Amino acid sequence: MNFGVGDNRAAEWDERYGNAERLWTADVNPALVVETDGLTPSTALDVGSGEGADARWLARRGWQVTAVDISQVAIDRARELSGDLPITWARADLVDDPVPGSDFGLVALHYFPIPVGNRDVARKLVDAVGPGGSLLVVAHAPEGVRAHGFDPADLVQPADFADLLDATWQVVTDETRARGRATGGGHHTHDVVFRARRAPR
């Protein structure tokens, strides 16, 4: 995981994807299924979209998805896997680049590492949610992060997003739950899930 300058971050992720036939699971993330139940499909931003499993799941359920990732290799692979689904693919490093769109009905980020020194990225993502829209942030529980040699204190955590919300927001979910299927060599058994809804106009 590279927290350095943009070109280095992109090159590292391109290399990781290029060295694997598939880097991530083809299954949708469980928290996305639970937390979007009952939401009316509109526009969605999938942050750190990887090979596109979450974006495809949303698109098949009527969402108009913009999927953004730092790796062009990941974007190209995801586009090939997704066929004619209504997904807009965007290569961007959100540390330096603007969010590709605004007023989304859903902004979802799963296991997307934001160093505390780049807290403005979190602010950009909050601001990308439109009136009546939802923000969904899912992270590995701290013990899983530590198991891979990282300090959770170095990363913006889901609960930190609450500090960025004003009175127009309502927190819907703020909890740690069993993932269901462990990932990361068995280290990632629990997810920290944060969802908030912005008031309609």
C-alpha atoms as a PDB file:
ATOM      1  CA  MET A   1       0.000   0.000   0.000  1.00  0.00           C
ATOM      2  CA  ASN A   2       1.677   3.170  -1.182  1.00  0.00           C
ATOM      3  CA  PHE A   3       0.844   6.483   0.482  1.00  0.00           C
ATOM      4  CA  GLY A   4       3.424   8.381  -1.578  1.00  0.00           C
ATOM      5  CA  VAL A   5       2.952  10.715  -4.528  1.00  0.00           C
ATOM      6  CA  GLY A   6       0.278  10.058  -7.120  1.00  0.00           C
ATOM      7  CA  ASP A   7       2.368   8.588  -9.943  1.00  0.00           C
ATOM      8  CA  ASN A   8       3.963   6.108  -7.540  1.00  0.00           C
ATOM      9  CA  ARG A   9       0.605   5.096  -6.085  1.00  0.00           C
ATOM     10  CA  ALA A  10      -0.852   4.501  -9.539  1.00  0.00           C
ATOM     11  CA  ALA A  11       2.196   2.552 -10.722  1.00  0.00           C
ATOM     12  CA  GLU A  12       2.114   0.335  -7.644  1.00  0.00           C
ATOM     13  CA  TRP A  13      -1.548  -0.530  -8.122  1.00  0.00           C
ATOM     14  CA  ASP A  14      -1.085  -1.092 -11.865  1.00  0.00           C
ATOM     15  CA  GLU A  15       1.696  -3.541 -11.042  1.00  0.00           C
ATOM     16  CA  ARG A  16      -0.426  -5.365  -8.462  1.00  0.00           C
ATOM     17  CA  TYR A  17      -3.293  -5.814 -10.891  1.00  0.00           C
ATOM     18  CA  GLY A  18      -0.973  -6.650 -13.760  1.00  0.00           C
ATOM     19  CA  ASN A  19       0.661  -9.457 -11.775  1.00  0.00           C
ATOM     20  CA  ALA A  20      -2.634 -11.220 -10.981  1.00  0.00           C
ATOM     21  CA  GLU A  21      -5.299 -12.707 -13.190  1.00  0.00           C
ATOM     22  CA  ARG A  22      -7.809 -11.485 -10.610  1.00  0.00           C
ATOM     23  CA  LEU A  23      -6.804  -9.492  -7.551  1.00  0.00           C
ATOM     24  CA  TRP A  24     -10.150  -9.367  -5.714  1.00  0.00           C
ATOM     25  CA  THR A  25     -13.187 -11.587  -5.398  1.00  0.00           C
ATOM     26  CA  ALA A  26     -15.915 -11.464  -8.029  1.00  0.00           C
ATOM     27  CA  ASP A  27     -18.517 -11.341  -5.237  1.00  0.00           C
ATOM     28  CA  VAL A  28     -20.223  -8.166  -4.090  1.00  0.00           C
ATOM     29  CA  ASN A  29     -19.175  -6.866  -0.679  1.00  0.00           C
ATOM     30  CA  PRO A  30     -21.712  -8.062   1.932  1.00  0.00           C
ATOM     31  CA  ALA A  31     -22.175  -4.660   3.580  1.00  0.00           C
ATOM     32  CA  LEU A  32     -23.224  -3.131   0.259  1.00  0.00           C
ATOM     33  CA  VAL A  33     -26.042  -5.662  -0.064  1.00  0.00           C
ATOM     34  CA  VAL A  34     -27.290  -5.001   3.461  1.00  0.00           C
ATOM     35  CA  GLU A  35     -26.949  -1.230   3.468  1.00  0.00           C
ATOM     36  CA  THR A  36     -28.566  -0.577   0.088  1.00  0.00           C
ATOM     37  CA  ASP A  37     -31.596  -2.721   0.837  1.00  0.00           C
ATOM     38  CA  GLY A  38     -34.573  -0.387   0.581  1.00  0.00           C
ATOM     39  CA  LEU A  39     -32.717   2.422  -1.193  1.00  0.00           C
ATOM     40  CA  THR A  40     -34.241   3.634  -4.449  1.00  0.00           C
ATOM     41  CA  PRO A  41     -31.681   3.197  -7.248  1.00  0.00           C
ATOM     42  CA  SER A  42     -30.411   6.459  -8.694  1.00  0.00           C
ATOM     43  CA  THR A  43     -26.792   7.471  -9.280  1.00  0.00           C
ATOM     44  CA  ALA A  44     -23.905   5.847  -7.437  1.00  0.00           C
ATOM     45  CA  LEU A  45     -20.200   6.461  -7.082  1.00  0.00           C
ATOM     46  CA  ASP A  46     -18.116   3.341  -6.385  1.00  0.00           C
ATOM     47  CA  VAL A  47     -14.794   4.544  -4.938  1.00  0.00           C
ATOM     48  CA  GLY A  48     -11.780   2.268  -5.364  1.00  0.00           C
ATOM     49  CA  SER A  49     -13.835   0.098  -7.701  1.00  0.00           C
ATOM     50  CA  GLY A  50     -11.086  -2.406  -8.516  1.00  0.00           C
ATOM     51  CA  GLU A  51     -12.279  -5.098 -10.886  1.00  0.00           C
ATOM     52  CA  GLY A  52     -15.844  -3.869 -10.630  1.00  0.00           C
ATOM     53  CA  ALA A  53     -17.775  -6.456  -8.598  1.00  0.00           C
ATOM     54  CA  ASP A  54     -19.678  -3.852  -6.571  1.00  0.00           C
ATOM     55  CA  ALA A  55     -20.278  -1.603  -9.579  1.00  0.00           C
ATOM     56  CA  ARG A  56     -21.740  -4.493 -11.578  1.00  0.00           C
ATOM     57  CA  TRP A  57     -23.969  -5.530  -8.672  1.00  0.00           C
ATOM     58  CA  LEU A  58     -25.338  -1.999  -8.363  1.00  0.00           C
ATOM     59  CA  ALA A  59     -25.816  -1.583 -12.115  1.00  0.00           C
ATOM     60  CA  ARG A  60     -27.797  -4.809 -12.356  1.00  0.00           C
ATOM     61  CA  ARG A  61     -30.164  -3.384  -9.735  1.00  0.00           C
ATOM     62  CA  GLY A  62     -30.887  -0.204 -11.618  1.00  0.00           C
ATOM     63  CA  TRP A  63     -28.182   2.146 -10.358  1.00  0.00           C
ATOM     64  CA  GLN A  64     -26.372   4.416 -12.816  1.00  0.00           C
ATOM     65  CA  VAL A  65     -22.830   3.832 -11.613  1.00  0.00           C
ATOM     66  CA  THR A  66     -19.650   5.854 -11.876  1.00  0.00           C
ATOM     67  CA  ALA A  67     -16.746   3.625 -10.854  1.00  0.00           C
ATOM     68  CA  VAL A  68     -13.418   5.249 -10.043  1.00  0.00           C
ATOM     69  CA  ASP A  69     -10.041   3.652  -9.379  1.00  0.00           C
ATOM     70  CA  ILE A  70      -6.432   4.805  -9.325  1.00  0.00           C
ATOM     71  CA  SER A  71      -5.323   1.908 -11.565  1.00  0.00           C
ATOM     72  CA  GLN A  72      -5.892   2.016 -15.310  1.00  0.00           C
ATOM     73  CA  VAL A  73      -5.203  -1.732 -15.398  1.00  0.00           C
ATOM     74  CA  ALA A  74      -8.086  -2.282 -12.976  1.00  0.00           C
ATOM     75  CA  ILE A  75     -10.394   0.018 -14.942  1.00  0.00           C
ATOM     76  CA  ASP A  76      -9.620  -1.747 -18.235  1.00  0.00           C
ATOM     77  CA  ARG A  77     -10.172  -5.173 -16.677  1.00  0.00           C
ATOM     78  CA  ALA A  78     -13.415  -4.121 -15.010  1.00  0.00           C
ATOM     79  CA  ARG A  79     -14.756  -2.600 -18.228  1.00  0.00           C
ATOM     80  CA  GLU A  80     -14.032  -5.836 -20.096  1.00  0.00           C
ATOM     81  CA  LEU A  81     -15.797  -7.919 -17.430  1.00  0.00           C
ATOM     82  CA  SER A  82     -18.846  -5.658 -17.332  1.00  0.00           C
ATOM     83  CA  GLY A  83     -20.042  -5.780 -20.905  1.00  0.00           C
ATOM     84  CA  ASP A  84     -22.926  -3.409 -21.652  1.00  0.00           C
ATOM     85  CA  LEU A  85     -23.880  -2.591 -18.067  1.00  0.00           C
ATOM     86  CA  PRO A  86     -24.548   1.135 -17.501  1.00  0.00           C
ATOM     87  CA  ILE A  87     -21.270   1.930 -15.751  1.00  0.00           C
ATOM     88  CA  THR A  88     -19.009   4.909 -16.381  1.00  0.00           C
ATOM     89  CA  TRP A  89     -15.389   4.011 -15.651  1.00  0.00           C
ATOM     90  CA  ALA A  90     -13.019   6.746 -14.491  1.00  0.00           C
ATOM     91  CA  ARG A  91      -9.287   6.573 -13.715  1.00  0.00           C
ATOM     92  CA  ALA A  92      -8.475   9.078 -10.995  1.00  0.00           C
ATOM     93  CA  ASP A  93      -6.306   9.552  -7.924  1.00  0.00           C
ATOM     94  CA  LEU A  94      -8.684  11.277  -5.547  1.00  0.00           C
ATOM     95  CA  VAL A  95      -5.800  12.736  -3.540  1.00  0.00           C
ATOM     96  CA  ASP A  96      -5.015  15.000  -6.501  1.00  0.00           C
ATOM     97  CA  ASP A  97      -8.005  14.709  -8.835  1.00  0.00           C
ATOM     98  CA  PRO A  98     -11.583  15.929  -8.392  1.00  0.00           C
ATOM     99  CA  VAL A  99     -14.404  13.479  -7.773  1.00  0.00           C
ATOM    100  CA  PRO A 100     -15.801  12.488 -11.200  1.00  0.00           C
ATOM    101  CA  GLY A 101     -19.317  13.819 -10.680  1.00  0.00           C
ATOM    102  CA  SER A 102     -21.545  15.259  -7.981  1.00  0.00           C
ATOM    103  CA  ASP A 103     -24.936  14.963  -6.286  1.00  0.00           C
ATOM    104  CA  PHE A 104     -24.784  11.163  -6.186  1.00  0.00           C
ATOM    105  CA  GLY A 105     -27.599   9.179  -4.597  1.00  0.00           C
ATOM    106  CA  LEU A 106     -24.973   6.846  -3.137  1.00  0.00           C
ATOM    107  CA  VAL A 107     -21.260   7.242  -2.515  1.00  0.00           C
ATOM    108  CA  ALA A 108     -19.752   3.918  -1.442  1.00  0.00           C
ATOM    109  CA  LEU A 109     -16.176   3.141  -0.488  1.00  0.00           C
ATOM    110  CA  HIS A 110     -15.088  -0.290   0.655  1.00  0.00           C
ATOM    111  CA  TYR A 111     -11.618  -0.766   2.155  1.00  0.00           C
ATOM    112  CA  PHE A 112     -10.437   2.451   0.503  1.00  0.00           C
ATOM    113  CA  PRO A 113      -7.348   3.640   2.439  1.00  0.00           C
ATOM    114  CA  ILE A 114      -7.269   7.378   3.119  1.00  0.00           C
ATOM    115  CA  PRO A 115      -4.151   8.431   5.054  1.00  0.00           C
ATOM    116  CA  VAL A 116      -4.932  10.889   7.841  1.00  0.00           C
ATOM    117  CA  GLY A 117      -2.725  13.405   6.057  1.00  0.00           C
ATOM    118  CA  ASN A 118      -5.139  13.290   3.111  1.00  0.00           C
ATOM    119  CA  ARG A 119      -8.316  13.876   5.104  1.00  0.00           C
ATOM    120  CA  ASP A 120      -9.495  16.279   2.386  1.00  0.00           C
ATOM    121  CA  VAL A 121     -10.260  13.200   0.267  1.00  0.00           C
ATOM    122  CA  ALA A 122     -12.902  12.206   2.802  1.00  0.00           C
ATOM    123  CA  ARG A 123     -14.345  15.715   2.664  1.00  0.00           C
ATOM    124  CA  LYS A 124     -14.559  15.538  -1.151  1.00  0.00           C
ATOM    125  CA  LEU A 125     -16.484  12.282  -0.922  1.00  0.00           C
ATOM    126  CA  VAL A 126     -18.935  13.657   1.639  1.00  0.00           C
ATOM    127  CA  ASP A 127     -19.520  16.672  -0.581  1.00  0.00           C
ATOM    128  CA  ALA A 128     -20.221  14.401  -3.578  1.00  0.00           C
ATOM    129  CA  VAL A 129     -23.411  13.059  -1.952  1.00  0.00           C
ATOM    130  CA  GLY A 130     -26.512  14.839  -3.191  1.00  0.00           C
ATOM    131  CA  PRO A 131     -29.591  15.801  -1.157  1.00  0.00           C
ATOM    132  CA  GLY A 132     -31.400  12.667  -0.032  1.00  0.00           C
ATOM    133  CA  GLY A 133     -28.342  10.573  -0.848  1.00  0.00           C
ATOM    134  CA  SER A 134     -26.356   8.127   1.257  1.00  0.00           C
ATOM    135  CA  LEU A 135     -22.698   7.763   2.192  1.00  0.00           C
ATOM    136  CA  LEU A 136     -21.456   4.231   2.871  1.00  0.00           C
ATOM    137  CA  VAL A 137     -17.973   3.683   4.294  1.00  0.00           C
ATOM    138  CA  VAL A 138     -16.749   0.154   5.035  1.00  0.00           C
ATOM    139  CA  ALA A 139     -13.325  -0.699   6.468  1.00  0.00           C
ATOM    140  CA  HIS A 140     -11.542  -3.684   7.889  1.00  0.00           C
ATOM    141  CA  ALA A 141     -11.737  -3.882  11.668  1.00  0.00           C
ATOM    142  CA  PRO A 142      -8.524  -2.616  13.355  1.00  0.00           C
ATOM    143  CA  GLU A 143      -7.189  -6.082  14.163  1.00  0.00           C
ATOM    144  CA  GLY A 144      -7.290  -6.992  10.479  1.00  0.00           C
ATOM    145  CA  VAL A 145      -5.455  -3.802   9.520  1.00  0.00           C
ATOM    146  CA  ARG A 146      -2.741  -4.481  12.103  1.00  0.00           C
ATOM    147  CA  ALA A 147      -2.363  -8.060  10.860  1.00  0.00           C
ATOM    148  CA  HIS A 148      -1.128  -6.658   7.558  1.00  0.00           C
ATOM    149  CA  GLY A 149       1.402  -4.374   9.200  1.00  0.00           C
ATOM    150  CA  PHE A 150      -0.516  -1.092   9.166  1.00  0.00           C
ATOM    151  CA  ASP A 151      -1.563   1.128  12.035  1.00  0.00           C
ATOM    152  CA  PRO A 152      -5.284   1.992  11.927  1.00  0.00           C
ATOM    153  CA  ALA A 153      -4.416   5.370  13.451  1.00  0.00           C
ATOM    154  CA  ASP A 154      -2.633   6.259  10.196  1.00  0.00           C
ATOM    155  CA  LEU A 155      -5.874   5.945   8.220  1.00  0.00           C
ATOM    156  CA  VAL A 156      -9.156   7.834   8.211  1.00  0.00           C
ATOM    157  CA  GLN A 157     -11.650   5.488   9.851  1.00  0.00           C
ATOM    158  CA  PRO A 158     -15.377   5.196   9.054  1.00  0.00           C
ATOM    159  CA  ALA A 159     -16.355   6.943  12.298  1.00  0.00           C
ATOM    160  CA  ASP A 160     -14.105   9.882  11.354  1.00  0.00           C
ATOM    161  CA  PHE A 161     -16.531  10.677   8.556  1.00  0.00           C
ATOM    162  CA  ALA A 162     -19.112  11.585  11.211  1.00  0.00           C
ATOM    163  CA  ASP A 163     -16.976  14.605  12.126  1.00  0.00           C
ATOM    164  CA  LEU A 164     -17.384  15.882   8.558  1.00  0.00           C
ATOM    165  CA  LEU A 165     -21.188  15.824   8.594  1.00  0.00           C
ATOM    166  CA  ASP A 166     -23.339  18.818   9.417  1.00  0.00           C
ATOM    167  CA  ALA A 167     -26.892  18.953  10.784  1.00  0.00           C
ATOM    168  CA  THR A 168     -28.375  17.967   7.413  1.00  0.00           C
ATOM    169  CA  TRP A 169     -27.102  14.405   7.895  1.00  0.00           C
ATOM    170  CA  GLN A 170     -28.493  11.477   9.861  1.00  0.00           C
ATOM    171  CA  VAL A 171     -26.272   8.551  10.853  1.00  0.00           C
ATOM    172  CA  VAL A 172     -28.072   5.306   9.971  1.00  0.00           C
ATOM    173  CA  THR A 173     -25.403   2.677  10.705  1.00  0.00           C
ATOM    174  CA  ASP A 174     -22.274   2.842  12.833  1.00  0.00           C
ATOM    175  CA  GLU A 175     -21.178  -0.613  13.915  1.00  0.00           C
ATOM    176  CA  THR A 176     -18.703  -3.464  13.640  1.00  0.00           C
ATOM    177  CA  ARG A 177     -20.139  -6.699  12.263  1.00  0.00           C
ATOM    178  CA  ALA A 178     -18.934 -10.131  11.200  1.00  0.00           C
ATOM    179  CA  ARG A 179     -18.064 -10.138   7.524  1.00  0.00           C
ATOM    180  CA  GLY A 180     -19.511 -13.591   6.918  1.00  0.00           C
ATOM    181  CA  ARG A 181     -16.605 -14.817   4.787  1.00  0.00           C
ATOM    182  CA  ALA A 182     -13.104 -14.005   5.991  1.00  0.00           C
ATOM    183  CA  THR A 183     -10.693 -12.419   3.522  1.00  0.00           C
ATOM    184  CA  GLY A 184      -7.057 -11.344   3.572  1.00  0.00           C
ATOM    185  CA  GLY A 185      -5.720 -14.767   4.457  1.00  0.00           C
ATOM    186  CA  GLY A 186      -8.336 -15.127   7.171  1.00  0.00           C
ATOM    187  CA  HIS A 187      -7.356 -11.902   8.976  1.00  0.00           C
ATOM    188  CA  HIS A 188     -10.368  -9.850   7.888  1.00  0.00           C
ATOM    189  CA  THR A 189     -13.278 -11.359   9.797  1.00  0.00           C
ATOM    190  CA  HIS A 190     -15.141  -8.178  10.763  1.00  0.00           C
ATOM    191  CA  ASP A 191     -16.119  -4.982   8.978  1.00  0.00           C
ATOM    192  CA  VAL A 192     -16.596  -1.518  10.415  1.00  0.00           C
ATOM    193  CA  VAL A 193     -19.672  -0.115   8.662  1.00  0.00           C
ATOM    194  CA  PHE A 194     -20.746   3.520   8.638  1.00  0.00           C
ATOM    195  CA  ARG A 195     -23.738   4.820   6.674  1.00  0.00           C
ATOM    196  CA  ALA A 196     -25.286   8.261   6.803  1.00  0.00           C
ATOM    197  CA  ARG A 197     -28.108   9.876   4.856  1.00  0.00           C
ATOM    198  CA  ARG A 198     -28.239  13.477   3.763  1.00  0.00           C
ATOM    199  CA  ALA A 199     -31.574  15.248   4.131  1.00  0.00           C
ATOM    200  CA  PRO A 200     -33.565  15.924   0.947  1.00  0.00           C
ATOM    201  CA  ARG A 201     -33.877  19.515  -0.240  1.00  0.00           C
END
